[in-house]
Protein backbone atom coordinates (compact mmCIF):
# COMPACT_ATOMS: atom_id res chain seq x y z
CA UNK A 1 117.54 7.27 -81.35
CA UNK A 2 120.27 9.56 -82.63
CA UNK A 3 121.67 10.40 -79.51
CA UNK A 4 122.12 6.82 -78.38
CA UNK A 5 124.10 6.22 -81.94
CA UNK A 6 126.07 9.24 -81.53
CA UNK A 7 124.54 10.97 -84.26
CA UNK A 8 122.89 14.00 -82.67
CA UNK A 9 123.97 16.30 -79.51
CA UNK A 10 121.55 16.01 -76.44
CA UNK A 11 121.25 20.19 -76.90
CA UNK A 12 119.65 19.00 -80.55
CA UNK A 13 116.93 17.17 -79.46
CA UNK A 14 113.55 18.79 -79.83
CA UNK A 15 111.54 18.54 -76.86
CA UNK A 16 108.05 19.54 -76.32
CA UNK A 17 105.82 19.20 -73.16
CA UNK A 18 102.09 19.11 -73.53
CA UNK A 19 99.31 18.19 -71.56
CA UNK A 20 97.60 15.09 -71.93
CA UNK A 21 94.44 12.86 -71.40
CA UNK A 22 94.84 9.04 -70.38
CA UNK A 23 92.12 7.19 -72.10
CA UNK A 24 92.69 3.33 -71.78
CA UNK A 25 89.91 2.42 -74.23
CA UNK A 26 91.91 4.11 -76.98
CA UNK A 27 94.83 1.97 -78.46
CA UNK A 28 97.91 4.26 -79.36
CA UNK A 29 99.19 7.46 -78.47
CA UNK A 30 97.53 10.34 -80.46
CA UNK A 31 99.75 13.91 -81.05
CA UNK A 32 98.59 16.75 -82.61
CA UNK A 33 99.80 17.44 -85.49
CA UNK A 34 101.43 20.79 -84.77
CA UNK A 35 103.51 18.96 -82.35
CA UNK A 36 104.40 16.14 -84.47
CA UNK A 37 105.68 19.12 -87.15
CA UNK A 38 107.49 20.89 -84.39
CA UNK A 39 109.22 17.81 -83.54
CA UNK A 40 110.02 16.30 -87.18
CA UNK A 41 108.77 12.73 -86.23
CA UNK A 42 109.16 10.92 -89.67
CA UNK A 43 106.04 9.39 -91.16
CA UNK A 44 105.55 5.51 -91.62
CA UNK A 45 102.40 5.50 -93.24
CA UNK A 46 98.77 6.80 -93.15
CA UNK A 47 96.67 4.58 -91.04
CA UNK A 48 92.67 3.91 -90.74
CA UNK A 49 91.38 5.73 -87.50
CA UNK A 50 88.03 5.35 -85.68
CA UNK A 51 86.73 7.82 -83.42
CA UNK A 52 84.44 7.19 -80.08
CA UNK A 53 81.45 8.36 -82.10
CA UNK A 54 81.83 5.71 -84.79
CA UNK A 55 83.50 8.45 -87.52
CA UNK A 56 86.73 7.25 -89.65
CA UNK A 57 89.38 8.87 -90.87
CA UNK A 58 93.01 8.06 -92.10
CA UNK A 59 96.09 9.58 -90.21
CA UNK A 60 99.62 9.72 -90.40
CA UNK A 61 100.95 7.65 -88.38
CA UNK A 62 104.60 8.66 -86.96
CA UNK A 63 107.62 7.21 -85.43
CA UNK A 64 109.94 7.48 -82.76
CA UNK A 65 107.82 9.65 -80.53
CA UNK A 66 109.43 9.49 -76.83
CA UNK A 67 107.29 9.62 -74.36
CA UNK A 68 108.05 10.55 -70.79
CA UNK A 69 105.16 10.17 -67.88
CA UNK A 70 105.83 10.11 -63.99
CA UNK A 71 109.72 9.51 -64.96
CA UNK A 72 109.13 6.44 -67.21
CA UNK A 73 110.43 7.01 -70.51
CA UNK A 74 109.52 5.02 -73.70
CA UNK A 75 109.62 5.15 -77.37
CA UNK A 76 106.28 4.56 -79.55
CA UNK A 77 104.53 4.87 -82.78
CA UNK A 78 101.98 7.80 -82.75
CA UNK A 79 99.25 9.15 -84.91
CA UNK A 80 98.79 13.01 -85.92
CA UNK A 81 95.25 14.52 -85.53
CA UNK A 82 95.22 18.13 -87.21
CA UNK A 83 92.78 19.57 -84.69
CA UNK A 84 93.67 18.13 -81.64
CA UNK A 85 95.49 20.38 -78.56
CA UNK A 86 96.48 17.81 -76.26
CA UNK A 87 98.12 14.14 -76.14
CA UNK A 88 95.97 10.95 -76.09
CA UNK A 89 97.58 8.79 -74.46
CA UNK A 90 96.22 4.98 -74.75
CA UNK A 91 96.78 1.67 -74.21
CA UNK A 92 99.89 0.81 -75.85
CA UNK A 93 101.77 3.88 -73.88
CA UNK A 94 100.26 2.55 -70.91
CA UNK A 95 101.75 -0.95 -71.72
CA UNK A 96 105.11 0.27 -72.54
CA UNK A 97 105.08 2.46 -69.68
CA UNK A 98 103.88 -0.65 -67.27
CA UNK A 99 101.06 1.63 -65.61
CA UNK A 100 98.08 0.63 -64.35
CA UNK A 101 94.52 3.11 -64.04
CA UNK A 102 93.14 3.21 -60.98
CA UNK A 103 90.05 4.27 -61.95
CA UNK A 104 88.42 5.35 -58.58
CA UNK A 105 91.33 7.58 -57.64
CA UNK A 106 91.54 8.40 -61.65
CA UNK A 107 95.27 8.17 -61.50
CA UNK A 108 98.43 6.26 -62.82
CA UNK A 109 99.94 3.69 -61.13
CA UNK A 110 103.12 2.01 -62.05
CA UNK A 111 102.69 -1.71 -61.47
CA UNK A 112 105.96 -2.06 -59.83
CA UNK A 113 107.44 1.34 -58.51
CA UNK A 114 111.09 0.65 -59.29
CA UNK A 115 111.03 -0.56 -62.40
CA UNK A 116 109.02 -1.34 -65.62
CA UNK A 117 108.76 -4.94 -65.74
CA UNK A 118 108.69 -6.95 -68.99
CA UNK A 119 106.07 -9.91 -69.16
CA UNK A 120 107.78 -13.16 -70.63
CA UNK A 121 105.51 -16.40 -70.81
């Protein structure tokens, strides 16, 4: 965002490439806390989270995580998970990047291969 505003040069942008797991049953992007710290993402607030096994906790919510997946880019909020080693890519990210999940082939499919489509009703 600061690059687009001319406040930061491209060579100063922090980038990290990490492996991720797609889980359309999860809602948001979850990043390892170490990656959040490395990128210097700004903390918005603490939010309640619920794990698949029913446990609950409060985690940091960070702003302006730019995600690139299969050539598509988007800016999303993310929660930080202290013990996580990979990204968890949930439904919000899939929606922003306009991907569908092909469960049979276990792969992401762009709804339109040429564009990210906006739904307007």
